Structure formats: structure tokens, C-alpha cells
Amino acid sequence: MQFDRELDVKGLNCPLPILRTKKALAEMNSGQVLHVLATDPGSVKDFQAFARQTGNELVSSTENGNVFEYYLKRK
């Protein structure tokens, strides 16, 4: 999937992945896609809730071994 920016939050635990994602999205333009790499298993539910609450679209969420990948489209 194509993305405009990548954010590596591997090794960080809640709430840091969400906080860093929120900051990164704020610096992006509407419609741009942010690719996030995380290792916190709790981030799956966190990113789903974050997308619902902020109106940003969670385009894709996958797990590859210990790494969770998220693609968020800025509203």
C-alpha cells in the first residue's frame, strides 16, 4: 500500500503509539496516508478506537509476527 509518511513506534507501550500517531497526523494534509509500525499488542484495539473517535480512517491493520502495521488516512 502506498503511504505518505511512516512512523515507527516499535518498543513503545500505550499510550505512546497513539500519542505519536496523533501528532504525526496533525502534521499531514487531508487524504494523506500514515503507515505505523508498532509492537504493543494492545495497539490493535487502541488504533480502532482512535480512528472511530477522531474520524481518521483506519484503512488497514495487519500483524506480521510481533509487528503490527496500520495505515491511517487523515480526515
PDB file of N, CA and C in Angstrom:
ATOM      1  N   MET A   1       0.836  -1.186   0.000  1.00  0.00           N
ATOM      2  CA  MET A   1       0.000   0.000   0.000  1.00  0.00           C
ATOM      3  C   MET A   1       0.883   1.252   0.000  1.00  0.00           C
ATOM      4  N   GLN A   2       0.469   2.232  -0.741  1.00  0.00           N
ATOM      5  CA  GLN A   2       1.218   3.491  -0.810  1.00  0.00           C
ATOM      6  C   GLN A   2       0.919   4.332   0.424  1.00  0.00           C
ATOM      7  N   PHE A   3       1.940   5.028   0.911  1.00  0.00           N
ATOM      8  CA  PHE A   3       1.746   5.911   2.051  1.00  0.00           C
ATOM      9  C   PHE A   3       2.620   7.142   1.890  1.00  0.00           C
ATOM     10  N   ASP A   4       2.257   8.187   2.621  1.00  0.00           N
ATOM     11  CA  ASP A   4       2.968   9.461   2.514  1.00  0.00           C
ATOM     12  C   ASP A   4       4.010   9.645   3.613  1.00  0.00           C
ATOM     13  N   ARG A   5       3.819   8.951   4.721  1.00  0.00           N
ATOM     14  CA  ARG A   5       4.740   9.084   5.849  1.00  0.00           C
ATOM     15  C   ARG A   5       4.729   7.790   6.657  1.00  0.00           C
ATOM     16  N   GLU A   6       5.875   7.471   7.252  1.00  0.00           N
ATOM     17  CA  GLU A   6       5.970   6.266   8.082  1.00  0.00           C
ATOM     18  C   GLU A   6       6.356   6.671   9.494  1.00  0.00           C
ATOM     19  N   LEU A   7       5.740   5.982  10.461  1.00  0.00           N
ATOM     20  CA  LEU A   7       6.009   6.240  11.871  1.00  0.00           C
ATOM     21  C   LEU A   7       6.345   4.912  12.549  1.00  0.00           C
ATOM     22  N   ASP A   8       7.536   4.830  13.135  1.00  0.00           N
ATOM     23  CA  ASP A   8       7.978   3.614  13.817  1.00  0.00           C
ATOM     24  C   ASP A   8       7.854   3.824  15.322  1.00  0.00           C
ATOM     25  N   VAL A   9       6.881   3.134  15.922  1.00  0.00           N
ATOM     26  CA  VAL A   9       6.685   3.231  17.372  1.00  0.00           C
ATOM     27  C   VAL A   9       6.905   1.867  18.032  1.00  0.00           C
ATOM     28  N   LYS A  10       7.727   1.036  17.379  1.00  0.00           N
ATOM     29  CA  LYS A  10       8.022  -0.286  17.935  1.00  0.00           C
ATOM     30  C   LYS A  10       8.747  -0.111  19.274  1.00  0.00           C
ATOM     31  N   GLY A  11       8.398  -0.952  20.241  1.00  0.00           N
ATOM     32  CA  GLY A  11       9.021  -0.892  21.559  1.00  0.00           C
ATOM     33  C   GLY A  11       8.324   0.052  22.524  1.00  0.00           C
ATOM     34  N   LEU A  12       7.387   0.849  22.024  1.00  0.00           N
ATOM     35  CA  LEU A  12       6.648   1.773  22.893  1.00  0.00           C
ATOM     36  C   LEU A  12       5.315   1.158  23.300  1.00  0.00           C
ATOM     37  N   ASN A  13       4.909   1.424  24.529  1.00  0.00           N
ATOM     38  CA  ASN A  13       3.637   0.905  25.029  1.00  0.00           C
ATOM     39  C   ASN A  13       2.614   2.026  25.156  1.00  0.00           C
ATOM     40  N   CYS A  14       1.358   1.622  25.267  1.00  0.00           N
ATOM     41  CA  CYS A  14       0.241   2.539  25.420  1.00  0.00           C
ATOM     42  C   CYS A  14       0.548   3.548  26.526  1.00  0.00           C
ATOM     43  N   PRO A  15       0.264   4.800  26.326  1.00  0.00           N
ATOM     44  CA  PRO A  15      -0.437   5.438  25.200  1.00  0.00           C
ATOM     45  C   PRO A  15       0.489   6.048  24.155  1.00  0.00           C
ATOM     46  N   LEU A  16       1.791   5.819  24.248  1.00  0.00           N
ATOM     47  CA  LEU A  16       2.734   6.491  23.349  1.00  0.00           C
ATOM     48  C   LEU A  16       2.491   6.253  21.856  1.00  0.00           C
ATOM     49  N   PRO A  17       2.185   5.024  21.404  1.00  0.00           N
ATOM     50  CA  PRO A  17       1.941   4.858  19.958  1.00  0.00           C
ATOM     51  C   PRO A  17       0.808   5.752  19.448  1.00  0.00           C
ATOM     52  N   ILE A  18      -0.272   5.859  20.211  1.00  0.00           N
ATOM     53  CA  ILE A  18      -1.408   6.688  19.801  1.00  0.00           C
ATOM     54  C   ILE A  18      -1.038   8.168  19.842  1.00  0.00           C
ATOM     55  N   LEU A  19      -0.341   8.581  20.892  1.00  0.00           N
ATOM     56  CA  LEU A  19       0.044   9.996  21.003  1.00  0.00           C
ATOM     57  C   LEU A  19       0.952  10.419  19.858  1.00  0.00           C
ATOM     58  N   ARG A  20       1.913   9.577  19.515  1.00  0.00           N
ATOM     59  CA  ARG A  20       2.827   9.905  18.409  1.00  0.00           C
ATOM     60  C   ARG A  20       2.091   9.887  17.063  1.00  0.00           C
ATOM     61  N   THR A  21       1.133   8.969  16.933  1.00  0.00           N
ATOM     62  CA  THR A  21       0.326   8.905  15.713  1.00  0.00           C
ATOM     63  C   THR A  21      -0.510  10.167  15.569  1.00  0.00           C
ATOM     64  N   LYS A  22      -1.124  10.590  16.659  1.00  0.00           N
ATOM     65  CA  LYS A  22      -1.951  11.802  16.643  1.00  0.00           C
ATOM     66  C   LYS A  22      -1.117  13.005  16.210  1.00  0.00           C
ATOM     67  N   LYS A  23       0.088  13.112  16.746  1.00  0.00           N
ATOM     68  CA  LYS A  23       0.981  14.228  16.401  1.00  0.00           C
ATOM     69  C   LYS A  23       1.373  14.175  14.921  1.00  0.00           C
ATOM     70  N   ALA A  24       1.724  12.976  14.438  1.00  0.00           N
ATOM     71  CA  ALA A  24       2.123  12.823  13.038  1.00  0.00           C
ATOM     72  C   ALA A  24       0.975  13.176  12.093  1.00  0.00           C
ATOM     73  N   LEU A  25      -0.231  12.713  12.405  1.00  0.00           N
ATOM     74  CA  LEU A  25      -1.388  13.004  11.551  1.00  0.00           C
ATOM     75  C   LEU A  25      -1.682  14.500  11.519  1.00  0.00           C
ATOM     76  N   ALA A  26      -1.471  15.186  12.647  1.00  0.00           N
ATOM     77  CA  ALA A  26      -1.731  16.629  12.716  1.00  0.00           C
ATOM     78  C   ALA A  26      -0.811  17.406  11.773  1.00  0.00           C
ATOM     79  N   GLU A  27       0.341  16.829  11.461  1.00  0.00           N
ATOM     80  CA  GLU A  27       1.308  17.488  10.574  1.00  0.00           C
ATOM     81  C   GLU A  27       1.088  17.137   9.103  1.00  0.00           C
ATOM     82  N   MET A  28       0.084  16.298   8.837  1.00  0.00           N
ATOM     83  CA  MET A  28      -0.171  15.840   7.471  1.00  0.00           C
ATOM     84  C   MET A  28      -1.402  16.532   6.892  1.00  0.00           C
ATOM     85  N   ASN A  29      -1.551  16.445   5.568  1.00  0.00           N
ATOM     86  CA  ASN A  29      -2.705  17.024   4.885  1.00  0.00           C
ATOM     87  C   ASN A  29      -3.835  16.015   4.789  1.00  0.00           C
ATOM     88  N   SER A  30      -5.038  16.513   4.628  1.00  0.00           N
ATOM     89  CA  SER A  30      -6.214  15.662   4.479  1.00  0.00           C
ATOM     90  C   SER A  30      -6.030  14.703   3.303  1.00  0.00           C
ATOM     91  N   GLY A  31      -6.360  13.426   3.522  1.00  0.00           N
ATOM     92  CA  GLY A  31      -6.251  12.421   2.465  1.00  0.00           C
ATOM     93  C   GLY A  31      -4.917  11.702   2.412  1.00  0.00           C
ATOM     94  N   GLN A  32      -3.908  12.228   3.128  1.00  0.00           N
ATOM     95  CA  GLN A  32      -2.613  11.555   3.139  1.00  0.00           C
ATOM     96  C   GLN A  32      -2.677  10.328   4.049  1.00  0.00           C
ATOM     97  N   VAL A  33      -1.807   9.347   3.767  1.00  0.00           N
ATOM     98  CA  VAL A  33      -1.809   8.076   4.493  1.00  0.00           C
ATOM     99  C   VAL A  33      -0.544   7.951   5.353  1.00  0.00           C
ATOM    100  N   LEU A  34      -0.768   7.570   6.604  1.00  0.00           N
ATOM    101  CA  LEU A  34       0.315   7.343   7.560  1.00  0.00           C
ATOM    102  C   LEU A  34       0.460   5.846   7.793  1.00  0.00           C
ATOM    103  N   HIS A  35       1.679   5.337   7.651  1.00  0.00           N
ATOM    104  CA  HIS A  35       1.986   3.920   7.906  1.00  0.00           C
ATOM    105  C   HIS A  35       2.635   3.843   9.280  1.00  0.00           C
ATOM    106  N   VAL A  36       2.020   3.083  10.194  1.00  0.00           N
ATOM    107  CA  VAL A  36       2.525   2.978  11.567  1.00  0.00           C
ATOM    108  C   VAL A  36       2.972   1.547  11.838  1.00  0.00           C
ATOM    109  N   LEU A  37       4.162   1.401  12.438  1.00  0.00           N
ATOM    110  CA  LEU A  37       4.695   0.099  12.850  1.00  0.00           C
ATOM    111  C   LEU A  37       4.746   0.084  14.374  1.00  0.00           C
ATOM    112  N   ALA A  38       4.089  -0.887  14.994  1.00  0.00           N
ATOM    113  CA  ALA A  38       4.034  -0.965  16.455  1.00  0.00           C
ATOM    114  C   ALA A  38       4.250  -2.403  16.914  1.00  0.00           C
ATOM    115  N   THR A  39       4.651  -2.568  18.177  1.00  0.00           N
ATOM    116  CA  THR A  39       4.825  -3.908  18.745  1.00  0.00           C
ATOM    117  C   THR A  39       3.904  -4.155  19.939  1.00  0.00           C
ATOM    118  N   ASP A  40       3.196  -3.155  20.392  1.00  0.00           N
ATOM    119  CA  ASP A  40       2.296  -3.291  21.544  1.00  0.00           C
ATOM    120  C   ASP A  40       1.025  -4.030  21.112  1.00  0.00           C
ATOM    121  N   PRO A  41       0.767  -5.241  21.661  1.00  0.00           N
ATOM    122  CA  PRO A  41      -0.435  -5.988  21.266  1.00  0.00           C
ATOM    123  C   PRO A  41      -1.728  -5.223  21.556  1.00  0.00           C
ATOM    124  N   GLY A  42      -1.701  -4.352  22.556  1.00  0.00           N
ATOM    125  CA  GLY A  42      -2.881  -3.555  22.879  1.00  0.00           C
ATOM    126  C   GLY A  42      -3.175  -2.481  21.853  1.00  0.00           C
ATOM    127  N   SER A  43      -2.234  -2.252  20.953  1.00  0.00           N
ATOM    128  CA  SER A  43      -2.424  -1.195  19.963  1.00  0.00           C
ATOM    129  C   SER A  43      -3.539  -1.520  18.969  1.00  0.00           C
ATOM    130  N   VAL A  44      -3.877  -2.797  18.813  1.00  0.00           N
ATOM    131  CA  VAL A  44      -4.930  -3.178  17.865  1.00  0.00           C
ATOM    132  C   VAL A  44      -6.238  -2.481  18.243  1.00  0.00           C
ATOM    133  N   LYS A  45      -6.657  -2.659  19.486  1.00  0.00           N
ATOM    134  CA  LYS A  45      -7.898  -2.023  19.942  1.00  0.00           C
ATOM    135  C   LYS A  45      -7.728  -0.507  20.036  1.00  0.00           C
ATOM    136  N   ASP A  46      -6.545  -0.066  20.441  1.00  0.00           N
ATOM    137  CA  ASP A  46      -6.286   1.371  20.570  1.00  0.00           C
ATOM    138  C   ASP A  46      -6.458   2.093  19.232  1.00  0.00           C
ATOM    139  N   PHE A  47      -5.909   1.520  18.162  1.00  0.00           N
ATOM    140  CA  PHE A  47      -5.992   2.179  16.865  1.00  0.00           C
ATOM    141  C   PHE A  47      -7.408   2.151  16.304  1.00  0.00           C
ATOM    142  N   GLN A  48      -8.158   1.078  16.583  1.00  0.00           N
ATOM    143  CA  GLN A  48      -9.558   1.024  16.143  1.00  0.00           C
ATOM    144  C   GLN A  48     -10.356   2.128  16.832  1.00  0.00           C
ATOM    145  N   ALA A  49     -10.165   2.264  18.142  1.00  0.00           N
ATOM    146  CA  ALA A  49     -10.878   3.294  18.903  1.00  0.00           C
ATOM    147  C   ALA A  49     -10.437   4.692  18.473  1.00  0.00           C
ATOM    148  N   PHE A  50      -9.142   4.864  18.257  1.00  0.00           N
ATOM    149  CA  PHE A  50      -8.601   6.155  17.829  1.00  0.00           C
ATOM    150  C   PHE A  50      -9.245   6.601  16.515  1.00  0.00           C
ATOM    151  N   ALA A  51      -9.334   5.691  15.562  1.00  0.00           N
ATOM    152  CA  ALA A  51      -9.926   6.023  14.265  1.00  0.00           C
ATOM    153  C   ALA A  51     -11.394   6.410  14.426  1.00  0.00           C
ATOM    154  N   ARG A  52     -12.132   5.658  15.221  1.00  0.00           N
ATOM    155  CA  ARG A  52     -13.550   5.963  15.455  1.00  0.00           C
ATOM    156  C   ARG A  52     -13.720   7.341  16.096  1.00  0.00           C
ATOM    157  N   GLN A  53     -12.906   7.622  17.086  1.00  0.00           N
ATOM    158  CA  GLN A  53     -13.060   8.865  17.856  1.00  0.00           C
ATOM    159  C   GLN A  53     -12.591  10.104  17.101  1.00  0.00           C
ATOM    160  N   THR A  54     -11.614   9.957  16.223  1.00  0.00           N
ATOM    161  CA  THR A  54     -11.050  11.126  15.551  1.00  0.00           C
ATOM    162  C   THR A  54     -11.593  11.335  14.138  1.00  0.00           C
ATOM    163  N   GLY A  55     -12.226  10.321  13.565  1.00  0.00           N
ATOM    164  CA  GLY A  55     -12.735  10.442  12.205  1.00  0.00           C
ATOM    165  C   GLY A  55     -11.703  10.127  11.139  1.00  0.00           C
ATOM    166  N   ASN A  56     -10.464   9.817  11.556  1.00  0.00           N
ATOM    167  CA  ASN A  56      -9.452   9.373  10.592  1.00  0.00           C
ATOM    168  C   ASN A  56      -9.777   7.930  10.217  1.00  0.00           C
ATOM    169  N   GLU A  57      -9.495   7.553   8.982  1.00  0.00           N
ATOM    170  CA  GLU A  57      -9.854   6.212   8.507  1.00  0.00           C
ATOM    171  C   GLU A  57      -8.727   5.218   8.739  1.00  0.00           C
ATOM    172  N   LEU A  58      -9.044   4.114   9.431  1.00  0.00           N
ATOM    173  CA  LEU A  58      -8.097   3.017   9.581  1.00  0.00           C
ATOM    174  C   LEU A  58      -8.260   2.149   8.334  1.00  0.00           C
ATOM    175  N   VAL A  59      -7.395   2.388   7.354  1.00  0.00           N
ATOM    176  CA  VAL A  59      -7.511   1.732   6.048  1.00  0.00           C
ATOM    177  C   VAL A  59      -7.160   0.259   6.151  1.00  0.00           C
ATOM    178  N   SER A  60      -6.118  -0.051   6.928  1.00  0.00           N
ATOM    179  CA  SER A  60      -5.645  -1.426   7.024  1.00  0.00           C
ATOM    180  C   SER A  60      -4.958  -1.653   8.362  1.00  0.00           C
ATOM    181  N   SER A  61      -5.122  -2.880   8.871  1.00  0.00           N
ATOM    182  CA  SER A  61      -4.482  -3.277  10.122  1.00  0.00           C
ATOM    183  C   SER A  61      -4.047  -4.732   9.972  1.00  0.00           C
ATOM    184  N   THR A  62      -2.734  -4.986  10.049  1.00  0.00           N
ATOM    185  CA  THR A  62      -2.237  -6.345   9.897  1.00  0.00           C
ATOM    186  C   THR A  62      -1.189  -6.650  10.955  1.00  0.00           C
ATOM    187  N   GLU A  63      -0.970  -7.948  11.164  1.00  0.00           N
ATOM    188  CA  GLU A  63       0.055  -8.392  12.109  1.00  0.00           C
ATOM    189  C   GLU A  63       1.043  -9.282  11.366  1.00  0.00           C
ATOM    190  N   ASN A  64       2.317  -8.947  11.485  1.00  0.00           N
ATOM    191  CA  ASN A  64       3.384  -9.750  10.889  1.00  0.00           C
ATOM    192  C   ASN A  64       4.341 -10.155  11.998  1.00  0.00           C
ATOM    193  N   GLY A  65       4.128 -11.354  12.554  1.00  0.00           N
ATOM    194  CA  GLY A  65       4.959 -11.777  13.681  1.00  0.00           C
ATOM    195  C   GLY A  65       4.652 -10.930  14.893  1.00  0.00           C
ATOM    196  N   ASN A  66       5.641 -10.199  15.397  1.00  0.00           N
ATOM    197  CA  ASN A  66       5.453  -9.342  16.564  1.00  0.00           C
ATOM    198  C   ASN A  66       5.178  -7.897  16.187  1.00  0.00           C
ATOM    199  N   VAL A  67       5.089  -7.615  14.892  1.00  0.00           N
ATOM    200  CA  VAL A  67       4.907  -6.232  14.445  1.00  0.00           C
ATOM    201  C   VAL A  67       3.494  -6.039  13.894  1.00  0.00           C
ATOM    202  N   PHE A  68       2.853  -4.995  14.382  1.00  0.00           N
ATOM    203  CA  PHE A  68       1.520  -4.622  13.913  1.00  0.00           C
ATOM    204  C   PHE A  68       1.686  -3.435  12.972  1.00  0.00           C
ATOM    205  N   GLU A  69       1.019  -3.521  11.806  1.00  0.00           N
ATOM    206  CA  GLU A  69       1.101  -2.449  10.815  1.00  0.00           C
ATOM    207  C   GLU A  69      -0.278  -1.825  10.648  1.00  0.00           C
ATOM    208  N   TYR A  70      -0.285  -0.494  10.656  1.00  0.00           N
ATOM    209  CA  TYR A  70      -1.543   0.255  10.482  1.00  0.00           C
ATOM    210  C   TYR A  70      -1.352   1.285   9.387  1.00  0.00           C
ATOM    211  N   TYR A  71      -2.405   1.447   8.607  1.00  0.00           N
ATOM    212  CA  TYR A  71      -2.434   2.508   7.599  1.00  0.00           C
ATOM    213  C   TYR A  71      -3.631   3.381   7.945  1.00  0.00           C
ATOM    214  N   LEU A  72      -3.354   4.633   8.252  1.00  0.00           N
ATOM    215  CA  LEU A  72      -4.412   5.573   8.609  1.00  0.00           C
ATOM    216  C   LEU A  72      -4.458   6.700   7.593  1.00  0.00           C
ATOM    217  N   LYS A  73      -5.662   6.999   7.126  1.00  0.00           N
ATOM    218  CA  LYS A  73      -5.854   8.108   6.197  1.00  0.00           C
ATOM    219  C   LYS A  73      -6.396   9.301   6.975  1.00  0.00           C
ATOM    220  N   ARG A  74      -5.692  10.431   6.844  1.00  0.00           N
ATOM    221  CA  ARG A  74      -6.089  11.630   7.589  1.00  0.00           C
ATOM    222  C   ARG A  74      -7.410  12.172   7.030  1.00  0.00           C
ATOM    223  N   LYS A  75      -8.280  12.545   7.940  1.00  0.00           N
ATOM    224  CA  LYS A  75      -9.587  13.073   7.512  1.00  0.00           C
ATOM    225  C   LYS A  75      -9.464  14.444   6.882  1.00  0.00           C
TER     226      LYS A  75
END
